[in-house]
Amino acid sequence: MFEQLLALMLAPSGITATSDSPQAVIVRLEEPGVTGIEARPRVVALRSDRIASSPGAVEAQIDELAVRLSSPAGVLWQGNLRVAQNQGASYSQNFSQASPTLCPPNSPYDRSERSSINFNVYVQNNGNGSVYRIDASWQRPSEETNCGERGTRTVQVNKALALNPGESGVVEGDAGLRVEVTRRR
């Protein structure tokens, strides 16, 4: 039925459909005869109207990851995130406050202390299991003690971790940034 419907839909436009087997429909563009323009026929193979699952398709699943971001000063953030194929997870936190150093009135510099953490993870399926792409950054105030402009320092890590259920992985960065990820069972 699909083949007859396809043939009816395509016939008015100069395209004909033929079927060599019940599994496939071949569509070809006829060469125009009136215009004198020579065109090579294109052959496009289409599947039949039956829906078939892809061979080796991986069953969709939701994974829960326990995440811990830490520095030499202690835990920056700790929590659980859910990820699935084409559905990543992220956490971010921003903090800003006045400097603890008192500077002269009308100082031309912004002395605010700023810090932030960002964590992103998504699943990369390589056919042999789940690989988690980890991207984490930590921004903290620079250690400026005078009344000049106060800046920030940032460290970022980006790495893939292959984790089976129950396994943990660690990614370490500069300035003591440590990212621990555990895939729940």
N, C-alpha and C. Protein backbone atom coordinates (compact mmCIF):
# COMPACT_ATOMS: atom_id res chain seq x y z
N MET A 1 0.82 -1.18 0.00
CA MET A 1 0.00 0.00 0.00
C MET A 1 0.87 1.26 0.00
N PHE A 2 1.91 1.24 0.79
CA PHE A 2 2.83 2.38 0.84
C PHE A 2 3.43 2.65 -0.54
N GLU A 3 3.77 1.56 -1.26
CA GLU A 3 4.38 1.69 -2.57
C GLU A 3 3.43 2.34 -3.56
N GLN A 4 2.13 1.93 -3.55
CA GLN A 4 1.16 2.52 -4.47
C GLN A 4 0.93 3.99 -4.11
N LEU A 5 0.87 4.32 -2.82
CA LEU A 5 0.66 5.69 -2.39
C LEU A 5 1.85 6.55 -2.80
N LEU A 6 3.05 6.04 -2.64
CA LEU A 6 4.25 6.77 -3.04
C LEU A 6 4.25 7.00 -4.54
N ALA A 7 3.86 5.99 -5.31
CA ALA A 7 3.82 6.11 -6.76
C ALA A 7 2.80 7.17 -7.17
N LEU A 8 1.65 7.20 -6.53
CA LEU A 8 0.62 8.21 -6.84
C LEU A 8 1.09 9.61 -6.49
N MET A 9 1.78 9.75 -5.37
CA MET A 9 2.24 11.07 -4.94
C MET A 9 3.35 11.59 -5.85
N LEU A 10 4.19 10.73 -6.36
CA LEU A 10 5.36 11.17 -7.10
C LEU A 10 5.14 11.22 -8.61
N ALA A 11 4.16 10.50 -9.16
CA ALA A 11 3.95 10.43 -10.60
C ALA A 11 3.69 11.79 -11.24
N PRO A 12 2.86 12.68 -10.68
CA PRO A 12 2.62 13.98 -11.33
C PRO A 12 3.87 14.84 -11.44
N SER A 13 4.85 14.64 -10.63
CA SER A 13 6.05 15.48 -10.66
C SER A 13 7.15 14.91 -11.54
N GLY A 14 6.84 13.85 -12.31
CA GLY A 14 7.86 13.28 -13.18
C GLY A 14 8.72 12.24 -12.49
N ILE A 15 8.34 11.83 -11.31
CA ILE A 15 9.10 10.83 -10.56
C ILE A 15 8.27 9.56 -10.51
N THR A 16 8.89 8.43 -10.81
CA THR A 16 8.16 7.16 -10.73
C THR A 16 8.77 6.30 -9.65
N ALA A 17 7.96 5.41 -9.10
CA ALA A 17 8.43 4.53 -8.05
C ALA A 17 8.27 3.10 -8.51
N THR A 18 9.26 2.27 -8.24
CA THR A 18 9.19 0.85 -8.54
C THR A 18 9.59 0.07 -7.31
N SER A 19 9.16 -1.16 -7.24
CA SER A 19 9.50 -1.99 -6.10
C SER A 19 10.08 -3.29 -6.57
N ASP A 20 11.26 -3.59 -6.13
CA ASP A 20 11.90 -4.87 -6.46
C ASP A 20 11.64 -5.91 -5.39
N SER A 21 11.32 -5.49 -4.19
CA SER A 21 11.04 -6.40 -3.09
C SER A 21 10.08 -5.70 -2.13
N PRO A 22 9.42 -6.46 -1.27
CA PRO A 22 8.52 -5.82 -0.30
C PRO A 22 9.28 -5.04 0.76
N GLN A 23 10.58 -5.19 0.84
CA GLN A 23 11.37 -4.51 1.86
C GLN A 23 11.84 -3.12 1.45
N ALA A 24 11.88 -2.83 0.15
CA ALA A 24 12.46 -1.56 -0.26
C ALA A 24 11.65 -0.94 -1.39
N VAL A 25 11.69 0.35 -1.49
CA VAL A 25 11.09 1.10 -2.57
C VAL A 25 12.21 1.92 -3.19
N ILE A 26 12.35 1.87 -4.49
CA ILE A 26 13.38 2.65 -5.16
C ILE A 26 12.68 3.77 -5.92
N VAL A 27 13.13 4.97 -5.70
CA VAL A 27 12.58 6.13 -6.36
C VAL A 27 13.62 6.62 -7.33
N ARG A 28 13.20 6.88 -8.61
CA ARG A 28 14.17 7.42 -9.56
C ARG A 28 13.55 8.58 -10.30
N LEU A 29 14.38 9.53 -10.64
CA LEU A 29 13.96 10.71 -11.36
C LEU A 29 14.10 10.42 -12.84
N GLU A 30 12.99 10.56 -13.62
CA GLU A 30 13.05 10.29 -15.05
C GLU A 30 13.81 11.40 -15.76
N GLU A 31 14.46 11.01 -16.83
CA GLU A 31 15.18 12.00 -17.62
C GLU A 31 14.17 12.83 -18.39
N PRO A 32 14.32 14.16 -18.37
CA PRO A 32 13.39 14.99 -19.12
C PRO A 32 13.65 14.86 -20.61
N GLY A 33 12.60 14.76 -21.41
CA GLY A 33 12.75 14.62 -22.84
C GLY A 33 12.41 15.89 -23.59
N VAL A 34 11.55 16.70 -23.07
CA VAL A 34 11.07 17.89 -23.78
C VAL A 34 12.10 19.01 -23.74
N THR A 35 12.77 19.19 -22.65
CA THR A 35 13.67 20.34 -22.49
C THR A 35 15.00 20.15 -23.20
N GLY A 36 15.36 18.93 -23.49
CA GLY A 36 16.64 18.68 -24.12
C GLY A 36 17.79 18.65 -23.13
N ILE A 37 17.50 18.88 -21.87
CA ILE A 37 18.54 18.84 -20.85
C ILE A 37 18.73 17.39 -20.44
N GLU A 38 19.97 16.93 -20.55
CA GLU A 38 20.23 15.57 -20.15
C GLU A 38 20.55 15.53 -18.66
N ALA A 39 19.87 14.67 -17.96
CA ALA A 39 20.11 14.51 -16.53
C ALA A 39 20.27 13.03 -16.23
N ARG A 40 21.22 12.72 -15.39
CA ARG A 40 21.39 11.33 -14.98
C ARG A 40 20.31 10.97 -13.97
N PRO A 41 19.77 9.80 -14.07
CA PRO A 41 18.77 9.41 -13.06
C PRO A 41 19.42 9.26 -11.69
N ARG A 42 18.74 9.75 -10.65
CA ARG A 42 19.21 9.55 -9.29
C ARG A 42 18.42 8.41 -8.69
N VAL A 43 19.09 7.55 -7.97
CA VAL A 43 18.42 6.44 -7.31
C VAL A 43 18.54 6.67 -5.81
N VAL A 44 17.38 6.66 -5.16
CA VAL A 44 17.34 6.83 -3.72
C VAL A 44 16.58 5.64 -3.15
N ALA A 45 17.19 4.92 -2.23
CA ALA A 45 16.54 3.76 -1.62
C ALA A 45 15.82 4.20 -0.35
N LEU A 46 14.60 3.78 -0.21
CA LEU A 46 13.82 4.08 0.98
C LEU A 46 13.42 2.78 1.65
N ARG A 47 13.25 2.81 2.95
CA ARG A 47 12.76 1.62 3.68
C ARG A 47 11.28 1.48 3.43
N SER A 48 10.78 0.30 3.63
CA SER A 48 9.34 0.08 3.49
C SER A 48 8.60 0.79 4.60
N ASP A 49 7.31 0.69 4.62
CA ASP A 49 6.50 1.41 5.60
C ASP A 49 6.48 0.73 6.97
N ARG A 50 7.32 -0.25 7.18
CA ARG A 50 7.40 -0.93 8.47
C ARG A 50 8.45 -0.22 9.34
N ILE A 51 8.15 -0.03 10.60
CA ILE A 51 9.12 0.58 11.51
C ILE A 51 9.97 -0.53 12.10
N ALA A 52 11.27 -0.37 11.98
CA ALA A 52 12.20 -1.38 12.49
C ALA A 52 13.19 -0.69 13.41
N SER A 53 13.54 -1.35 14.49
CA SER A 53 14.53 -0.77 15.40
C SER A 53 15.91 -0.89 14.79
N SER A 54 16.76 0.04 15.12
CA SER A 54 18.14 0.04 14.63
C SER A 54 18.87 -1.15 15.22
N PRO A 55 19.73 -1.78 14.42
CA PRO A 55 20.50 -2.89 14.99
C PRO A 55 21.45 -2.37 16.04
N GLY A 56 21.56 -3.07 17.13
CA GLY A 56 22.47 -2.69 18.19
C GLY A 56 22.02 -1.46 18.96
N ALA A 57 20.73 -1.14 18.91
CA ALA A 57 20.25 0.04 19.63
C ALA A 57 20.41 -0.15 21.13
N VAL A 58 20.88 0.91 21.79
CA VAL A 58 21.08 0.87 23.23
C VAL A 58 19.80 1.32 23.92
N GLU A 59 19.38 0.57 24.91
CA GLU A 59 18.17 0.93 25.64
C GLU A 59 18.42 2.21 26.44
N ALA A 60 17.47 3.14 26.34
CA ALA A 60 17.61 4.41 27.04
C ALA A 60 17.56 4.19 28.55
N GLN A 61 18.37 4.95 29.27
CA GLN A 61 18.37 4.84 30.73
C GLN A 61 18.74 6.18 31.34
N ILE A 62 18.34 6.34 32.58
CA ILE A 62 18.68 7.54 33.32
C ILE A 62 19.71 7.14 34.38
N ASP A 63 20.82 7.87 34.41
CA ASP A 63 21.87 7.59 35.38
C ASP A 63 21.90 8.70 36.42
N GLU A 64 22.11 8.31 37.66
CA GLU A 64 22.28 9.31 38.72
C GLU A 64 23.75 9.34 39.10
N LEU A 65 24.28 10.56 39.14
CA LEU A 65 25.68 10.76 39.47
C LEU A 65 25.80 11.54 40.77
N ALA A 66 26.65 11.06 41.67
CA ALA A 66 26.98 11.82 42.89
C ALA A 66 28.23 12.63 42.55
N VAL A 67 28.15 13.94 42.78
CA VAL A 67 29.23 14.85 42.37
C VAL A 67 29.73 15.60 43.60
N ARG A 68 31.05 15.76 43.67
CA ARG A 68 31.67 16.52 44.76
C ARG A 68 32.78 17.36 44.17
N LEU A 69 32.66 18.68 44.28
CA LEU A 69 33.70 19.62 43.87
C LEU A 69 34.36 20.15 45.13
N SER A 70 35.69 20.07 45.18
CA SER A 70 36.38 20.53 46.39
C SER A 70 37.67 21.26 46.02
N SER A 71 38.17 21.99 47.01
CA SER A 71 39.43 22.73 46.89
C SER A 71 40.21 22.47 48.17
N PRO A 72 41.44 22.95 48.28
CA PRO A 72 42.18 22.78 49.53
C PRO A 72 41.45 23.40 50.74
N ALA A 73 40.59 24.39 50.49
CA ALA A 73 39.85 25.04 51.58
C ALA A 73 38.63 24.24 52.03
N GLY A 74 38.21 23.23 51.24
CA GLY A 74 37.05 22.43 51.62
C GLY A 74 36.12 22.14 50.45
N VAL A 75 34.92 21.69 50.75
CA VAL A 75 33.93 21.33 49.73
C VAL A 75 33.32 22.59 49.14
N LEU A 76 33.36 22.69 47.81
CA LEU A 76 32.74 23.82 47.11
C LEU A 76 31.27 23.53 46.83
N TRP A 77 30.97 22.30 46.43
CA TRP A 77 29.59 21.86 46.19
C TRP A 77 29.56 20.35 46.16
N GLN A 78 28.45 19.81 46.62
CA GLN A 78 28.25 18.37 46.61
C GLN A 78 26.76 18.12 46.38
N GLY A 79 26.45 17.19 45.48
CA GLY A 79 25.05 16.88 45.21
C GLY A 79 24.91 15.77 44.18
N ASN A 80 23.65 15.44 43.86
CA ASN A 80 23.34 14.40 42.89
C ASN A 80 22.70 15.03 41.66
N LEU A 81 23.06 14.51 40.49
CA LEU A 81 22.49 14.97 39.23
C LEU A 81 22.09 13.77 38.38
N ARG A 82 20.99 13.92 37.63
CA ARG A 82 20.54 12.87 36.71
C ARG A 82 20.92 13.24 35.29
N VAL A 83 21.39 12.25 34.54
CA VAL A 83 21.72 12.44 33.13
C VAL A 83 21.15 11.28 32.33
N ALA A 84 20.90 11.53 31.06
CA ALA A 84 20.45 10.50 30.13
C ALA A 84 20.99 10.88 28.75
N GLN A 85 20.89 9.97 27.80
CA GLN A 85 21.34 10.26 26.45
C GLN A 85 20.64 11.52 25.95
N ASN A 86 21.40 12.47 25.44
CA ASN A 86 20.90 13.76 24.94
C ASN A 86 20.27 14.64 26.03
N GLN A 87 20.53 14.34 27.28
CA GLN A 87 20.01 15.14 28.39
C GLN A 87 21.10 15.28 29.44
N GLY A 88 21.85 16.34 29.35
CA GLY A 88 22.92 16.59 30.30
C GLY A 88 22.38 17.19 31.59
N ALA A 89 23.28 17.51 32.48
CA ALA A 89 22.91 18.13 33.76
C ALA A 89 23.96 19.17 34.09
N SER A 90 23.55 20.19 34.85
CA SER A 90 24.51 21.22 35.23
C SER A 90 24.13 21.82 36.58
N TYR A 91 25.13 22.41 37.21
CA TYR A 91 24.93 23.13 38.46
C TYR A 91 25.84 24.36 38.40
N SER A 92 25.32 25.51 38.82
CA SER A 92 26.16 26.70 38.90
C SER A 92 25.78 27.52 40.11
N GLN A 93 26.77 28.22 40.62
CA GLN A 93 26.58 29.05 41.82
C GLN A 93 27.49 30.27 41.67
N ASN A 94 26.92 31.44 41.91
CA ASN A 94 27.68 32.70 41.85
C ASN A 94 27.53 33.43 43.17
N PHE A 95 28.62 34.05 43.59
CA PHE A 95 28.62 34.77 44.86
C PHE A 95 29.44 36.05 44.70
N SER A 96 28.92 37.16 45.20
CA SER A 96 29.62 38.43 45.14
C SER A 96 29.34 39.20 46.41
N GLN A 97 30.39 39.84 46.97
CA GLN A 97 30.22 40.65 48.18
C GLN A 97 31.31 41.71 48.24
N ALA A 98 31.12 42.65 49.15
CA ALA A 98 32.11 43.71 49.32
C ALA A 98 33.40 43.13 49.89
N SER A 99 34.50 43.78 49.57
CA SER A 99 35.80 43.37 50.07
C SER A 99 35.89 43.60 51.58
N PRO A 100 36.64 42.76 52.30
CA PRO A 100 36.82 42.98 53.73
C PRO A 100 37.80 44.12 54.03
N THR A 101 38.53 44.56 52.99
CA THR A 101 39.51 45.64 53.17
C THR A 101 38.81 46.98 52.97
N LEU A 102 38.95 47.86 53.95
CA LEU A 102 38.37 49.19 53.85
C LEU A 102 39.34 50.08 53.09
N CYS A 103 38.85 50.70 52.02
CA CYS A 103 39.68 51.58 51.19
C CYS A 103 39.18 53.01 51.32
N PRO A 104 39.99 53.97 50.91
CA PRO A 104 39.57 55.37 51.00
C PRO A 104 38.27 55.61 50.24
N PRO A 105 37.46 56.58 50.71
CA PRO A 105 36.22 56.90 50.01
C PRO A 105 36.49 57.30 48.56
N ASN A 106 35.54 57.09 47.71
CA ASN A 106 35.61 57.43 46.28
C ASN A 106 36.75 56.73 45.55
N SER A 107 37.14 55.56 46.00
CA SER A 107 38.17 54.78 45.33
C SER A 107 37.66 54.43 43.93
N PRO A 108 38.50 54.55 42.89
CA PRO A 108 38.03 54.30 41.52
C PRO A 108 37.92 52.81 41.17
N TYR A 109 38.27 51.95 42.07
CA TYR A 109 38.29 50.53 41.74
C TYR A 109 37.12 49.78 42.36
N ASP A 110 36.67 48.77 41.61
CA ASP A 110 35.66 47.86 42.14
C ASP A 110 36.40 46.85 43.01
N ARG A 111 36.09 46.81 44.28
CA ARG A 111 36.78 45.94 45.22
C ARG A 111 35.95 44.72 45.58
N SER A 112 34.89 44.44 44.85
CA SER A 112 34.03 43.31 45.17
C SER A 112 34.80 42.00 45.06
N GLU A 113 34.44 41.08 45.93
CA GLU A 113 34.97 39.71 45.85
C GLU A 113 33.94 38.88 45.10
N ARG A 114 34.40 38.18 44.10
CA ARG A 114 33.50 37.34 43.31
C ARG A 114 34.03 35.91 43.28
N SER A 115 33.10 34.98 43.39
CA SER A 115 33.47 33.57 43.24
C SER A 115 32.31 32.84 42.58
N SER A 116 32.64 31.77 41.90
CA SER A 116 31.61 30.96 41.25
C SER A 116 32.13 29.55 41.03
N ILE A 117 31.18 28.64 40.91
CA ILE A 117 31.49 27.28 40.49
C ILE A 117 30.48 26.90 39.42
N ASN A 118 30.93 26.15 38.45
CA ASN A 118 30.09 25.65 37.38
C ASN A 118 30.45 24.20 37.12
N PHE A 119 29.43 23.38 36.97
CA PHE A 119 29.66 21.96 36.69
C PHE A 119 28.66 21.53 35.62
N ASN A 120 29.16 20.90 34.57
CA ASN A 120 28.32 20.36 33.49
C ASN A 120 28.75 18.93 33.22
N VAL A 121 27.77 18.09 32.91
CA VAL A 121 28.06 16.71 32.55
C VAL A 121 27.05 16.26 31.51
N TYR A 122 27.52 15.49 30.54
CA TYR A 122 26.60 14.86 29.60
C TYR A 122 27.15 13.50 29.20
N VAL A 123 26.26 12.65 28.69
CA VAL A 123 26.61 11.27 28.36
C VAL A 123 27.06 11.19 26.91
N GLN A 124 28.16 10.51 26.70
CA GLN A 124 28.62 10.17 25.36
C GLN A 124 28.59 8.65 25.28
N ASN A 125 27.75 8.10 24.42
CA ASN A 125 27.68 6.65 24.30
C ASN A 125 28.59 6.22 23.17
N ASN A 126 29.62 5.47 23.50
CA ASN A 126 30.58 5.02 22.50
C ASN A 126 30.32 3.59 22.04
N GLY A 127 29.20 3.01 22.40
CA GLY A 127 28.87 1.64 22.00
C GLY A 127 29.35 0.60 22.98
N ASN A 128 30.35 0.93 23.81
CA ASN A 128 30.88 -0.02 24.79
C ASN A 128 30.48 0.32 26.21
N GLY A 129 29.65 1.30 26.39
CA GLY A 129 29.27 1.74 27.72
C GLY A 129 29.16 3.25 27.76
N SER A 130 28.83 3.76 28.90
CA SER A 130 28.63 5.20 29.03
C SER A 130 29.93 5.91 29.40
N VAL A 131 30.17 7.01 28.71
CA VAL A 131 31.28 7.88 29.00
C VAL A 131 30.66 9.23 29.37
N TYR A 132 31.10 9.80 30.47
CA TYR A 132 30.56 11.05 30.96
C TYR A 132 31.56 12.17 30.70
N ARG A 133 31.15 13.18 29.93
CA ARG A 133 31.99 14.33 29.66
C ARG A 133 31.79 15.32 30.79
N ILE A 134 32.87 15.58 31.54
CA ILE A 134 32.85 16.44 32.72
C ILE A 134 33.48 17.78 32.36
N ASP A 135 32.83 18.85 32.73
CA ASP A 135 33.37 20.20 32.55
C ASP A 135 33.08 20.98 33.84
N ALA A 136 34.12 21.37 34.54
CA ALA A 136 33.95 22.08 35.81
C ALA A 136 34.88 23.29 35.85
N SER A 137 34.40 24.37 36.45
CA SER A 137 35.26 25.55 36.63
C SER A 137 35.01 26.14 38.02
N TRP A 138 36.06 26.79 38.52
CA TRP A 138 36.02 27.43 39.84
C TRP A 138 36.68 28.78 39.72
N GLN A 139 35.94 29.80 40.04
CA GLN A 139 36.46 31.17 40.02
C GLN A 139 36.50 31.68 41.44
N ARG A 140 37.60 32.34 41.80
CA ARG A 140 37.75 32.82 43.17
C ARG A 140 38.47 34.16 43.14
N PRO A 141 38.35 34.96 44.19
CA PRO A 141 39.02 36.26 44.22
C PRO A 141 40.54 36.11 44.21
N SER A 142 41.20 37.01 43.54
CA SER A 142 42.66 37.00 43.60
C SER A 142 43.06 37.54 44.98
N GLU A 143 44.26 37.22 45.39
CA GLU A 143 44.72 37.61 46.73
C GLU A 143 45.39 38.97 46.67
N GLU A 144 44.60 39.98 46.46
CA GLU A 144 45.07 41.36 46.37
C GLU A 144 44.78 42.04 47.70
N THR A 145 45.80 42.53 48.39
CA THR A 145 45.59 43.11 49.72
C THR A 145 45.56 44.63 49.73
N ASN A 146 46.05 45.28 48.67
CA ASN A 146 46.02 46.74 48.69
C ASN A 146 44.67 47.24 48.15
N CYS A 147 44.54 48.51 47.95
CA CYS A 147 43.26 49.08 47.53
C CYS A 147 43.12 49.20 46.02
N GLY A 148 43.92 48.46 45.26
CA GLY A 148 43.78 48.44 43.81
C GLY A 148 42.58 47.60 43.41
N GLU A 149 42.39 47.47 42.10
CA GLU A 149 41.28 46.67 41.61
C GLU A 149 41.47 45.21 41.99
N ARG A 150 40.41 44.59 42.44
CA ARG A 150 40.47 43.18 42.85
C ARG A 150 39.97 42.32 41.70
N GLY A 151 40.76 41.42 41.24
CA GLY A 151 40.37 40.55 40.13
C GLY A 151 39.99 39.16 40.61
N THR A 152 39.91 38.24 39.67
CA THR A 152 39.59 36.85 39.99
C THR A 152 40.57 35.92 39.30
N ARG A 153 40.63 34.71 39.80
CA ARG A 153 41.42 33.64 39.19
C ARG A 153 40.46 32.50 38.89
N THR A 154 40.67 31.84 37.76
CA THR A 154 39.75 30.77 37.35
C THR A 154 40.55 29.54 36.95
N VAL A 155 40.06 28.39 37.34
CA VAL A 155 40.61 27.12 36.90
C VAL A 155 39.46 26.30 36.31
N GLN A 156 39.76 25.57 35.23
CA GLN A 156 38.73 24.77 34.57
C GLN A 156 39.31 23.43 34.18
N VAL A 157 38.49 22.39 34.30
CA VAL A 157 38.88 21.05 33.86
C VAL A 157 37.81 20.52 32.92
N ASN A 158 38.24 19.73 31.95
CA ASN A 158 37.32 19.13 30.99
C ASN A 158 37.89 17.77 30.65
N LYS A 159 37.14 16.72 30.96
CA LYS A 159 37.65 15.37 30.74
C LYS A 159 36.50 14.38 30.64
N ALA A 160 36.72 13.29 29.93
CA ALA A 160 35.73 12.22 29.82
C ALA A 160 36.07 11.12 30.82
N LEU A 161 35.05 10.62 31.51
CA LEU A 161 35.22 9.51 32.46
C LEU A 161 34.32 8.35 32.04
N ALA A 162 34.88 7.16 31.88
CA ALA A 162 34.09 5.96 31.61
C ALA A 162 33.76 5.33 32.96
N LEU A 163 32.48 5.28 33.29
CA LEU A 163 32.08 4.76 34.60
C LEU A 163 30.99 3.71 34.45
N ASN A 164 31.22 2.57 35.05
CA ASN A 164 30.18 1.55 35.17
C ASN A 164 29.40 1.82 36.44
N PRO A 165 28.20 1.23 36.59
CA PRO A 165 27.44 1.45 37.83
C PRO A 165 28.27 1.12 39.06
N GLY A 166 28.28 2.04 40.03
CA GLY A 166 29.03 1.86 41.27
C GLY A 166 30.45 2.37 41.22
N GLU A 167 30.95 2.74 40.05
CA GLU A 167 32.34 3.20 39.93
C GLU A 167 32.44 4.71 40.14
N SER A 168 33.63 5.13 40.57
CA SER A 168 33.93 6.55 40.77
C SER A 168 35.11 6.95 39.92
N GLY A 169 35.17 8.23 39.60
CA GLY A 169 36.29 8.78 38.86
C GLY A 169 36.63 10.14 39.44
N VAL A 170 37.89 10.55 39.29
CA VAL A 170 38.36 11.83 39.82
C VAL A 170 39.05 12.60 38.71
N VAL A 171 38.76 13.89 38.66
CA VAL A 171 39.44 14.81 37.75
C VAL A 171 40.04 15.90 38.61
N GLU A 172 41.35 16.13 38.46
CA GLU A 172 42.03 17.14 39.26
C GLU A 172 42.53 18.26 38.37
N GLY A 173 42.43 19.48 38.89
CA GLY A 173 42.89 20.65 38.15
C GLY A 173 43.88 21.46 38.95
N ASP A 174 44.27 22.59 38.39
CA ASP A 174 45.19 23.50 39.07
C ASP A 174 44.55 24.06 40.33
N ALA A 175 45.37 24.62 41.19
CA ALA A 175 44.94 25.28 42.43
C ALA A 175 44.20 24.33 43.37
N GLY A 176 44.36 23.02 43.16
CA GLY A 176 43.73 22.05 44.06
C GLY A 176 42.28 21.71 43.75
N LEU A 177 41.75 22.16 42.60
CA LEU A 177 40.38 21.80 42.23
C LEU A 177 40.30 20.29 42.03
N ARG A 178 39.32 19.69 42.66
CA ARG A 178 39.13 18.24 42.58
C ARG A 178 37.65 17.95 42.32
N VAL A 179 37.37 17.16 41.30
CA VAL A 179 36.00 16.79 40.94
C VAL A 179 35.89 15.28 41.06
N GLU A 180 35.02 14.83 41.95
CA GLU A 180 34.78 13.40 42.13
C GLU A 180 33.38 13.09 41.63
N VAL A 181 33.27 12.07 40.78
CA VAL A 181 31.98 11.67 40.21
C VAL A 181 31.80 10.19 40.45
N THR A 182 30.65 9.81 41.03
CA THR A 182 30.33 8.40 41.25
C THR A 182 29.01 8.10 40.54
N ARG A 183 29.03 7.06 39.71
CA ARG A 183 27.80 6.61 39.05
C ARG A 183 27.07 5.68 40.00
N ARG A 184 25.84 6.03 40.34
CA ARG A 184 25.05 5.19 41.27
C ARG A 184 24.71 3.86 40.59
N ARG A 185 24.45 2.86 41.41
CA ARG A 185 24.08 1.54 40.90
C ARG A 185 22.69 1.54 40.36
